[in-house]
PDB file of N, CA and C in Angstrom:
ATOM      1  N   UNK A   1      23.442   3.458  17.211  1.00  0.00           N
ATOM      2  CA  UNK A   1      23.043   3.944  15.897  1.00  0.00           C
ATOM      3  C   UNK A   1      21.633   4.533  15.992  1.00  0.00           C
ATOM      4  N   UNK A   2      21.468   5.767  15.597  1.00  0.00           N
ATOM      5  CA  UNK A   2      20.167   6.423  15.628  1.00  0.00           C
ATOM      6  C   UNK A   2      19.382   6.103  14.360  1.00  0.00           C
ATOM      7  N   UNK A   3      18.093   5.944  14.521  1.00  0.00           N
ATOM      8  CA  UNK A   3      17.220   5.703  13.379  1.00  0.00           C
ATOM      9  C   UNK A   3      16.723   7.045  12.857  1.00  0.00           C
ATOM     10  N   UNK A   4      16.874   7.252  11.572  1.00  0.00           N
ATOM     11  CA  UNK A   4      16.426   8.503  10.966  1.00  0.00           C
ATOM     12  C   UNK A   4      14.905   8.515  10.874  1.00  0.00           C
ATOM     13  N   UNK A   5      14.300   9.640  11.189  1.00  0.00           N
ATOM     14  CA  UNK A   5      12.852   9.796  11.102  1.00  0.00           C
ATOM     15  C   UNK A   5      12.459  10.233   9.699  1.00  0.00           C
ATOM     16  N   UNK A   6      11.301   9.777   9.228  1.00  0.00           N
ATOM     17  CA  UNK A   6      10.857  10.216   7.903  1.00  0.00           C
ATOM     18  C   UNK A   6      10.502  11.704   7.903  1.00  0.00           C
ATOM     19  N   UNK A   7      10.888  12.386   6.838  1.00  0.00           N
ATOM     20  CA  UNK A   7      10.482  13.774   6.626  1.00  0.00           C
ATOM     21  C   UNK A   7       9.455  13.736   5.488  1.00  0.00           C
ATOM     22  N   UNK A   8       8.208  13.801   5.859  1.00  0.00           N
ATOM     23  CA  UNK A   8       7.111  13.639   4.905  1.00  0.00           C
ATOM     24  C   UNK A   8       6.910  14.895   4.073  1.00  0.00           C
ATOM     25  N   UNK A   9       6.615  14.708   2.789  1.00  0.00           N
ATOM     26  CA  UNK A   9       6.275  15.830   1.924  1.00  0.00           C
ATOM     27  C   UNK A   9       5.175  15.400   0.961  1.00  0.00           C
ATOM     28  N   UNK A  10       4.408  16.368   0.530  1.00  0.00           N
ATOM     29  CA  UNK A  10       3.322  16.156  -0.425  1.00  0.00           C
ATOM     30  C   UNK A  10       3.586  17.060  -1.616  1.00  0.00           C
ATOM     31  N   UNK A  11       3.329  16.583  -2.793  1.00  0.00           N
ATOM     32  CA  UNK A  11       3.602  17.343  -4.001  1.00  0.00           C
ATOM     33  C   UNK A  11       2.831  18.655  -4.034  1.00  0.00           C
ATOM     34  N   UNK A  12       3.479  19.673  -4.542  1.00  0.00           N
ATOM     35  CA  UNK A  12       2.803  20.960  -4.717  1.00  0.00           C
ATOM     36  C   UNK A  12       1.748  20.886  -5.822  1.00  0.00           C
ATOM     37  N   UNK A  13       1.772  19.831  -6.626  1.00  0.00           N
ATOM     38  CA  UNK A  13       0.786  19.644  -7.688  1.00  0.00           C
ATOM     39  C   UNK A  13      -0.513  19.023  -7.179  1.00  0.00           C
ATOM     40  N   UNK A  14      -0.570  18.635  -5.927  1.00  0.00           N
ATOM     41  CA  UNK A  14      -1.736  17.930  -5.409  1.00  0.00           C
ATOM     42  C   UNK A  14      -2.955  18.827  -5.264  1.00  0.00           C
ATOM     43  N   UNK A  15      -2.787  20.129  -5.219  1.00  0.00           N
ATOM     44  CA  UNK A  15      -3.870  21.116  -5.201  1.00  0.00           C
ATOM     45  C   UNK A  15      -4.875  20.896  -4.079  1.00  0.00           C
ATOM     46  N   UNK A  16      -4.490  20.214  -3.021  1.00  0.00           N
ATOM     47  CA  UNK A  16      -5.353  20.007  -1.857  1.00  0.00           C
ATOM     48  C   UNK A  16      -6.695  19.397  -2.237  1.00  0.00           C
ATOM     49  N   UNK A  17      -6.724  18.503  -3.201  1.00  0.00           N
ATOM     50  CA  UNK A  17      -7.967  17.877  -3.641  1.00  0.00           C
ATOM     51  C   UNK A  17      -8.364  16.654  -2.833  1.00  0.00           C
ATOM     52  N   UNK A  18      -7.576  16.275  -1.851  1.00  0.00           N
ATOM     53  CA  UNK A  18      -7.945  15.166  -0.990  1.00  0.00           C
ATOM     54  C   UNK A  18      -7.482  13.800  -1.453  1.00  0.00           C
ATOM     55  N   UNK A  19      -6.903  13.691  -2.636  1.00  0.00           N
ATOM     56  CA  UNK A  19      -6.444  12.404  -3.148  1.00  0.00           C
ATOM     57  C   UNK A  19      -4.930  12.434  -3.289  1.00  0.00           C
ATOM     58  N   UNK A  20      -4.257  12.661  -2.170  1.00  0.00           N
ATOM     59  CA  UNK A  20      -2.817  12.856  -2.203  1.00  0.00           C
ATOM     60  C   UNK A  20      -2.088  11.792  -1.401  1.00  0.00           C
ATOM     61  N   UNK A  21      -0.840  11.628  -1.719  1.00  0.00           N
ATOM     62  CA  UNK A  21       0.031  10.780  -0.918  1.00  0.00           C
ATOM     63  C   UNK A  21       1.192  11.624  -0.425  1.00  0.00           C
ATOM     64  N   UNK A  22       1.755  11.201   0.688  1.00  0.00           N
ATOM     65  CA  UNK A  22       2.973  11.819   1.219  1.00  0.00           C
ATOM     66  C   UNK A  22       4.093  10.807   1.061  1.00  0.00           C
ATOM     67  N   UNK A  23       5.290  11.287   0.789  1.00  0.00           N
ATOM     68  CA  UNK A  23       6.454  10.414   0.649  1.00  0.00           C
ATOM     69  C   UNK A  23       7.577  10.936   1.531  1.00  0.00           C
ATOM     70  N   UNK A  24       8.457  10.029   1.938  1.00  0.00           N
ATOM     71  CA  UNK A  24       9.618  10.403   2.742  1.00  0.00           C
ATOM     72  C   UNK A  24      10.869   9.935   2.015  1.00  0.00           C
ATOM     73  N   UNK A  25      11.305  10.745   1.058  1.00  0.00           N
ATOM     74  CA  UNK A  25      12.455  10.362   0.232  1.00  0.00           C
ATOM     75  C   UNK A  25      13.770  10.413   0.993  1.00  0.00           C
ATOM     76  N   UNK A  26      13.785  11.051   2.156  1.00  0.00           N
ATOM     77  CA  UNK A  26      15.030  11.160   2.914  1.00  0.00           C
ATOM     78  C   UNK A  26      15.531   9.803   3.421  1.00  0.00           C
ATOM     79  N   UNK A  27      14.694   8.781   3.423  1.00  0.00           N
ATOM     80  CA  UNK A  27      15.106   7.464   3.918  1.00  0.00           C
ATOM     81  C   UNK A  27      15.705   6.573   2.835  1.00  0.00           C
ATOM     82  N   UNK A  28      15.672   6.999   1.592  1.00  0.00           N
ATOM     83  CA  UNK A  28      16.151   6.158   0.492  1.00  0.00           C
ATOM     84  C   UNK A  28      17.616   5.761   0.652  1.00  0.00           C
ATOM     85  N   UNK A  29      18.459   6.689   1.049  1.00  0.00           N
ATOM     86  CA  UNK A  29      19.892   6.398   1.151  1.00  0.00           C
ATOM     87  C   UNK A  29      20.209   5.426   2.284  1.00  0.00           C
ATOM     88  N   UNK A  30      19.498   5.537   3.398  1.00  0.00           N
ATOM     89  CA  UNK A  30      19.820   4.705   4.555  1.00  0.00           C
ATOM     90  C   UNK A  30      19.067   3.381   4.592  1.00  0.00           C
ATOM     91  N   UNK A  31      17.857   3.338   4.031  1.00  0.00           N
ATOM     92  CA  UNK A  31      17.051   2.110   4.114  1.00  0.00           C
ATOM     93  C   UNK A  31      16.807   1.456   2.762  1.00  0.00           C
ATOM     94  N   UNK A  32      17.040   2.203   1.676  1.00  0.00           N
ATOM     95  CA  UNK A  32      16.748   1.676   0.344  1.00  0.00           C
ATOM     96  C   UNK A  32      15.274   1.688   0.007  1.00  0.00           C
ATOM     97  N   UNK A  33      14.477   2.322   0.871  1.00  0.00           N
ATOM     98  CA  UNK A  33      13.038   2.388   0.633  1.00  0.00           C
ATOM     99  C   UNK A  33      12.547   3.824   0.703  1.00  0.00           C
ATOM    100  N   UNK A  34      11.385   4.039   0.092  1.00  0.00           N
ATOM    101  CA  UNK A  34      10.698   5.320   0.171  1.00  0.00           C
ATOM    102  C   UNK A  34       9.304   5.026   0.708  1.00  0.00           C
ATOM    103  N   UNK A  35       9.049   5.384   1.963  1.00  0.00           N
ATOM    104  CA  UNK A  35       7.714   5.171   2.512  1.00  0.00           C
ATOM    105  C   UNK A  35       6.692   6.085   1.836  1.00  0.00           C
ATOM    106  N   UNK A  36       5.501   5.543   1.606  1.00  0.00           N
ATOM    107  CA  UNK A  36       4.402   6.280   0.995  1.00  0.00           C
ATOM    108  C   UNK A  36       3.193   6.098   1.897  1.00  0.00           C
ATOM    109  N   UNK A  37       2.447   7.178   2.138  1.00  0.00           N
ATOM    110  CA  UNK A  37       1.254   7.087   2.994  1.00  0.00           C
ATOM    111  C   UNK A  37       0.148   7.973   2.446  1.00  0.00           C
ATOM    112  N   UNK A  38      -1.051   7.742   2.909  1.00  0.00           N
ATOM    113  CA  UNK A  38      -2.206   8.564   2.575  1.00  0.00           C
ATOM    114  C   UNK A  38      -2.068   9.874   3.342  1.00  0.00           C
ATOM    115  N   UNK A  39      -2.045  10.991   2.648  1.00  0.00           N
ATOM    116  CA  UNK A  39      -1.827  12.273   3.315  1.00  0.00           C
ATOM    117  C   UNK A  39      -2.994  12.666   4.216  1.00  0.00           C
ATOM    118  N   UNK A  40      -4.161  12.057   4.011  1.00  0.00           N
ATOM    119  CA  UNK A  40      -5.311  12.351   4.859  1.00  0.00           C
ATOM    120  C   UNK A  40      -5.235  11.616   6.193  1.00  0.00           C
ATOM    121  N   UNK A  41      -4.369  10.598   6.287  1.00  0.00           N
ATOM    122  CA  UNK A  41      -4.254   9.785   7.501  1.00  0.00           C
ATOM    123  C   UNK A  41      -2.783   9.749   7.921  1.00  0.00           C
ATOM    124  N   UNK A  42      -2.260  10.860   8.426  1.00  0.00           N
ATOM    125  CA  UNK A  42      -0.828  10.922   8.727  1.00  0.00           C
ATOM    126  C   UNK A  42      -0.367   9.938   9.807  1.00  0.00           C
ATOM    127  N   UNK A  43      -1.259   9.503  10.667  1.00  0.00           N
ATOM    128  CA  UNK A  43      -0.886   8.523  11.690  1.00  0.00           C
ATOM    129  C   UNK A  43      -1.155   7.092  11.240  1.00  0.00           C
ATOM    130  N   UNK A  44      -1.620   6.932  10.023  1.00  0.00           N
ATOM    131  CA  UNK A  44      -1.916   5.604   9.495  1.00  0.00           C
ATOM    132  C   UNK A  44      -0.662   4.894   9.001  1.00  0.00           C
ATOM    133  N   UNK A  45      -0.858   3.737   8.390  1.00  0.00           N
ATOM    134  CA  UNK A  45       0.291   2.950   7.927  1.00  0.00           C
ATOM    135  C   UNK A  45       0.977   3.589   6.722  1.00  0.00           C
ATOM    136  N   UNK A  46       2.228   3.232   6.559  1.00  0.00           N
ATOM    137  CA  UNK A  46       3.016   3.672   5.406  1.00  0.00           C
ATOM    138  C   UNK A  46       3.465   2.425   4.653  1.00  0.00           C
ATOM    139  N   UNK A  47       3.470   2.502   3.351  1.00  0.00           N
ATOM    140  CA  UNK A  47       3.911   1.410   2.493  1.00  0.00           C
ATOM    141  C   UNK A  47       5.354   1.679   2.087  1.00  0.00           C
ATOM    142  N   UNK A  48       6.299   0.840   2.521  1.00  0.00           N
ATOM    143  CA  UNK A  48       7.694   1.071   2.143  1.00  0.00           C
ATOM    144  C   UNK A  48       7.977   0.507   0.743  1.00  0.00           C
ATOM    145  N   UNK A  49       8.236   1.375  -0.207  1.00  0.00           N
ATOM    146  CA  UNK A  49       8.536   0.944  -1.571  1.00  0.00           C
ATOM    147  C   UNK A  49      10.041   0.957  -1.783  1.00  0.00           C
ATOM    148  N   UNK A  50      10.541  -0.026  -2.493  1.00  0.00           N
ATOM    149  CA  UNK A  50      11.964   0.000  -2.846  1.00  0.00           C
ATOM    150  C   UNK A  50      12.210   1.240  -3.687  1.00  0.00           C
ATOM    151  N   UNK A  51      13.347   1.868  -3.449  1.00  0.00           N
ATOM    152  CA  UNK A  51      13.658   3.131  -4.133  1.00  0.00           C
ATOM    153  C   UNK A  51      13.601   2.974  -5.654  1.00  0.00           C
ATOM    154  N   UNK A  52      14.110   1.866  -6.178  1.00  0.00           N
ATOM    155  CA  UNK A  52      14.096   1.656  -7.634  1.00  0.00           C
ATOM    156  C   UNK A  52      12.668   1.528  -8.157  1.00  0.00           C
ATOM    157  N   UNK A  53      11.798   0.872  -7.408  1.00  0.00           N
ATOM    158  CA  UNK A  53      10.400   0.722  -7.826  1.00  0.00           C
ATOM    159  C   UNK A  53       9.693   2.073  -7.810  1.00  0.00           C
ATOM    160  N   UNK A  54       9.954   2.881  -6.786  1.00  0.00           N
ATOM    161  CA  UNK A  54       9.351   4.201  -6.707  1.00  0.00           C
ATOM    162  C   UNK A  54       9.823   5.076  -7.865  1.00  0.00           C
ATOM    163  N   UNK A  55      11.105   5.031  -8.163  1.00  0.00           N
ATOM    164  CA  UNK A  55      11.662   5.808  -9.273  1.00  0.00           C
ATOM    165  C   UNK A  55      11.028   5.397 -10.599  1.00  0.00           C
ATOM    166  N   UNK A  56      10.850   4.106 -10.808  1.00  0.00           N
ATOM    167  CA  UNK A  56      10.222   3.612 -12.037  1.00  0.00           C
ATOM    168  C   UNK A  56       8.761   4.054 -12.114  1.00  0.00           C
ATOM    169  N   UNK A  57       8.060   4.031 -10.990  1.00  0.00           N
ATOM    170  CA  UNK A  57       6.668   4.473 -10.956  1.00  0.00           C
ATOM    171  C   UNK A  57       6.557   5.950 -11.331  1.00  0.00           C
ATOM    172  N   UNK A  58       7.393   6.793 -10.725  1.00  0.00           N
ATOM    173  CA  UNK A  58       7.368   8.229 -11.022  1.00  0.00           C
ATOM    174  C   UNK A  58       7.689   8.477 -12.497  1.00  0.00           C
ATOM    175  N   UNK A  59       8.654   7.755 -13.036  1.00  0.00           N
ATOM    176  CA  UNK A  59       8.992   7.897 -14.460  1.00  0.00           C
ATOM    177  C   UNK A  59       7.805   7.500 -15.333  1.00  0.00           C
ATOM    178  N   UNK A  60       7.091   6.451 -14.950  1.00  0.00           N
ATOM    179  CA  UNK A  60       5.907   6.033 -15.704  1.00  0.00           C
ATOM    180  C   UNK A  60       4.807   7.073 -15.672  1.00  0.00           C
ATOM    181  N   UNK A  61       4.595   7.679 -14.505  1.00  0.00           N
ATOM    182  CA  UNK A  61       3.591   8.729 -14.391  1.00  0.00           C
ATOM    183  C   UNK A  61       3.969   9.922 -15.265  1.00  0.00           C
ATOM    184  N   UNK A  62       5.219  10.357 -15.167  1.00  0.00           N
ATOM    185  CA  UNK A  62       5.672  11.490 -15.966  1.00  0.00           C
ATOM    186  C   UNK A  62       5.596  11.201 -17.462  1.00  0.00           C
ATOM    187  N   UNK A  63       5.801   9.955 -17.842  1.00  0.00           N
ATOM    188  CA  UNK A  63       5.761   9.572 -19.248  1.00  0.00           C
ATOM    189  C   UNK A  63       4.376   9.272 -19.772  1.00  0.00           C
ATOM    190  N   UNK A  64       3.351   9.415 -18.912  1.00  0.00           N
ATOM    191  CA  UNK A  64       1.967   9.173 -19.333  1.00  0.00           C
ATOM    192  C   UNK A  64       1.619   7.702 -19.461  1.00  0.00           C
ATOM    193  N   UNK A  65       2.399   6.840 -18.832  1.00  0.00           N
ATOM    194  CA  UNK A  65       2.183   5.409 -18.940  1.00  0.00           C
ATOM    195  C   UNK A  65       0.950   4.875 -18.246  1.00  0.00           C
ATOM    196  N   UNK A  66       0.255   5.707 -17.483  1.00  0.00           N
ATOM    197  CA  UNK A  66      -0.923   5.230 -16.747  1.00  0.00           C
ATOM    198  C   UNK A  66      -2.211   5.867 -17.230  1.00  0.00           C
ATOM    199  N   UNK A  67      -2.138   6.675 -18.255  1.00  0.00           N
ATOM    200  CA  UNK A  67      -3.325   7.300 -18.815  1.00  0.00           C
ATOM    201  C   UNK A  67      -3.864   8.422 -17.953  1.00  0.00           C
ATOM    202  N   UNK A  68      -4.911   9.052 -18.409  1.00  0.00           N
ATOM    203  CA  UNK A  68      -5.544  10.152 -17.675  1.00  0.00           C
ATOM    204  C   UNK A  68      -6.483   9.596 -16.627  1.00  0.00           C
ATOM    205  N   UNK A  69      -6.639  10.364 -15.566  1.00  0.00           N
ATOM    206  CA  UNK A  69      -7.518   9.936 -14.484  1.00  0.00           C
ATOM    207  C   UNK A  69      -8.824  10.664 -14.572  1.00  0.00           C
TER     208      UNK A  69
END
């Protein structure tokens, strides 16, 4: 069984301001997690979030549940 490699992407809304994260949503179906990492440190650690938790977080951000930064 081959292990799928993460395909990292960064939001087009990040505007290259240096405060971005990269996510690898391609692993959600096979592992049930979405790894998240600091886009400035691509060789650094990744935090594996459960897909449902990541989805809830994104919905909260889109809904303004975290306020303005």
